[in-house]
Amino acid sequence: MHWSVQRVTNNLFSVSATSDGVDYTHVGNYRSVEDANRAGRRFVSVRAHEQGHNSHERAEADVHQQGSLTSSALHG
């Protein structure tokens, strides 16, 4: 995932982020390029953490489900 900063006016910068290079999410508008980059970096970091956390939860659910199926087969 990465972000893009574009100058909107002399004192306004727009931040967008994407994970696939096609679909962008508007992060916000900021008064300085430094603030815009900071917001982009923070947005990408949070999204990466959320995706990693969700992947971990899905993996745990898959393992739990597999264990239940195996347990049912052994007891059934």
C-alpha atoms as a PDB file:
ATOM      1  CA  MET A   1       0.000   0.000   0.000  1.00  0.00           C
ATOM      2  CA  HIS A   2       1.261   3.494  -0.734  1.00  0.00           C
ATOM      3  CA  TRP A   3       0.048   7.079  -0.651  1.00  0.00           C
ATOM      4  CA  SER A   4       0.137  10.030  -2.990  1.00  0.00           C
ATOM      5  CA  VAL A   5       0.289  13.743  -2.162  1.00  0.00           C
ATOM      6  CA  GLN A   6      -0.971  16.321  -4.648  1.00  0.00           C
ATOM      7  CA  ARG A   7      -0.892  20.079  -4.357  1.00  0.00           C
ATOM      8  CA  VAL A   8      -4.453  21.446  -4.570  1.00  0.00           C
ATOM      9  CA  THR A   9      -3.644  25.116  -3.976  1.00  0.00           C
ATOM     10  CA  ASN A  10      -0.587  27.004  -2.788  1.00  0.00           C
ATOM     11  CA  ASN A  11      -1.260  26.001   0.843  1.00  0.00           C
ATOM     12  CA  LEU A  12      -3.373  22.842   0.502  1.00  0.00           C
ATOM     13  CA  PHE A  13      -2.271  19.262  -0.186  1.00  0.00           C
ATOM     14  CA  SER A  14      -4.534  16.285  -0.836  1.00  0.00           C
ATOM     15  CA  VAL A  15      -3.564  12.755   0.255  1.00  0.00           C
ATOM     16  CA  SER A  16      -4.853   9.546  -1.320  1.00  0.00           C
ATOM     17  CA  ALA A  17      -3.810   5.957  -0.607  1.00  0.00           C
ATOM     18  CA  THR A  18      -4.016   2.735  -2.605  1.00  0.00           C
ATOM     19  CA  SER A  19      -3.174  -0.912  -2.139  1.00  0.00           C
ATOM     20  CA  ASP A  20      -3.551  -1.962  -5.778  1.00  0.00           C
ATOM     21  CA  GLY A  21      -2.580   1.150  -7.736  1.00  0.00           C
ATOM     22  CA  VAL A  22      -6.078   1.408  -9.212  1.00  0.00           C
ATOM     23  CA  ASP A  23      -8.561   2.198  -6.431  1.00  0.00           C
ATOM     24  CA  TYR A  24      -7.641   5.163  -4.240  1.00  0.00           C
ATOM     25  CA  THR A  25      -9.050   6.219  -0.865  1.00  0.00           C
ATOM     26  CA  HIS A  26      -9.070   9.939  -0.054  1.00  0.00           C
ATOM     27  CA  VAL A  27      -7.197  10.358   3.231  1.00  0.00           C
ATOM     28  CA  GLY A  28      -7.663  14.108   3.665  1.00  0.00           C
ATOM     29  CA  ASN A  29      -6.468  17.630   2.896  1.00  0.00           C
ATOM     30  CA  TYR A  30      -3.547  19.204   4.773  1.00  0.00           C
ATOM     31  CA  ARG A  31      -1.924  22.638   5.001  1.00  0.00           C
ATOM     32  CA  SER A  32       1.655  21.446   4.513  1.00  0.00           C
ATOM     33  CA  VAL A  33       3.366  18.747   2.501  1.00  0.00           C
ATOM     34  CA  GLU A  34       4.960  17.492   5.726  1.00  0.00           C
ATOM     35  CA  ASP A  35       1.552  17.036   7.387  1.00  0.00           C
ATOM     36  CA  ALA A  36       0.206  15.394   4.230  1.00  0.00           C
ATOM     37  CA  ASN A  37       3.054  12.883   4.115  1.00  0.00           C
ATOM     38  CA  ARG A  38       2.720  12.211   7.837  1.00  0.00           C
ATOM     39  CA  ALA A  39      -1.009  11.494   7.367  1.00  0.00           C
ATOM     40  CA  GLY A  40      -0.315   9.229   4.385  1.00  0.00           C
ATOM     41  CA  ARG A  41       2.321   7.294   6.300  1.00  0.00           C
ATOM     42  CA  ARG A  42       0.004   6.923   9.320  1.00  0.00           C
ATOM     43  CA  PHE A  43      -2.947   5.825   7.134  1.00  0.00           C
ATOM     44  CA  VAL A  44      -0.872   3.170   5.345  1.00  0.00           C
ATOM     45  CA  SER A  45       0.571   1.936   8.642  1.00  0.00           C
ATOM     46  CA  VAL A  46      -2.871   1.580  10.247  1.00  0.00           C
ATOM     47  CA  ARG A  47      -4.303  -0.191   7.185  1.00  0.00           C
ATOM     48  CA  ALA A  48      -1.359  -2.587   7.025  1.00  0.00           C
ATOM     49  CA  HIS A  49      -1.812  -3.375  10.722  1.00  0.00           C
ATOM     50  CA  GLU A  50      -5.569  -3.939  10.229  1.00  0.00           C
ATOM     51  CA  GLN A  51      -4.963  -6.230   7.250  1.00  0.00           C
ATOM     52  CA  GLY A  52      -2.345  -8.210   9.156  1.00  0.00           C
ATOM     53  CA  HIS A  53      -4.648  -8.498  12.164  1.00  0.00           C
ATOM     54  CA  ASN A  54      -7.583  -9.627   9.992  1.00  0.00           C
ATOM     55  CA  SER A  55      -5.392 -12.178   8.201  1.00  0.00           C
ATOM     56  CA  HIS A  56      -4.281 -13.568  11.565  1.00  0.00           C
ATOM     57  CA  GLU A  57      -7.905 -13.843  12.759  1.00  0.00           C
ATOM     58  CA  ARG A  58      -8.923 -15.640   9.537  1.00  0.00           C
ATOM     59  CA  ALA A  59      -6.009 -18.059   9.897  1.00  0.00           C
ATOM     60  CA  GLU A  60      -6.990 -18.813  13.502  1.00  0.00           C
ATOM     61  CA  ALA A  61     -10.625 -19.366  12.463  1.00  0.00           C
ATOM     62  CA  ASP A  62      -9.526 -21.736   9.681  1.00  0.00           C
ATOM     63  CA  VAL A  63      -7.347 -23.732  12.100  1.00  0.00           C
ATOM     64  CA  HIS A  64     -10.177 -23.878  14.655  1.00  0.00           C
ATOM     65  CA  GLN A  65     -12.672 -24.963  11.995  1.00  0.00           C
ATOM     66  CA  GLN A  66     -10.284 -27.638  10.699  1.00  0.00           C
ATOM     67  CA  GLY A  67      -9.759 -28.911  14.239  1.00  0.00           C
ATOM     68  CA  SER A  68     -13.524 -29.132  14.766  1.00  0.00           C
ATOM     69  CA  LEU A  69     -13.981 -31.072  11.527  1.00  0.00           C
ATOM     70  CA  THR A  70     -11.179 -33.475  12.457  1.00  0.00           C
ATOM     71  CA  SER A  71     -12.591 -33.901  15.959  1.00  0.00           C
ATOM     72  CA  SER A  72     -16.082 -34.637  14.560  1.00  0.00           C
ATOM     73  CA  ALA A  73     -14.688 -37.198  12.134  1.00  0.00           C
ATOM     74  CA  LEU A  74     -12.805 -38.977  14.933  1.00  0.00           C
ATOM     75  CA  HIS A  75     -15.804 -39.041  17.264  1.00  0.00           C
ATOM     76  CA  GLY A  76     -18.449 -39.712  14.608  1.00  0.00           C
END
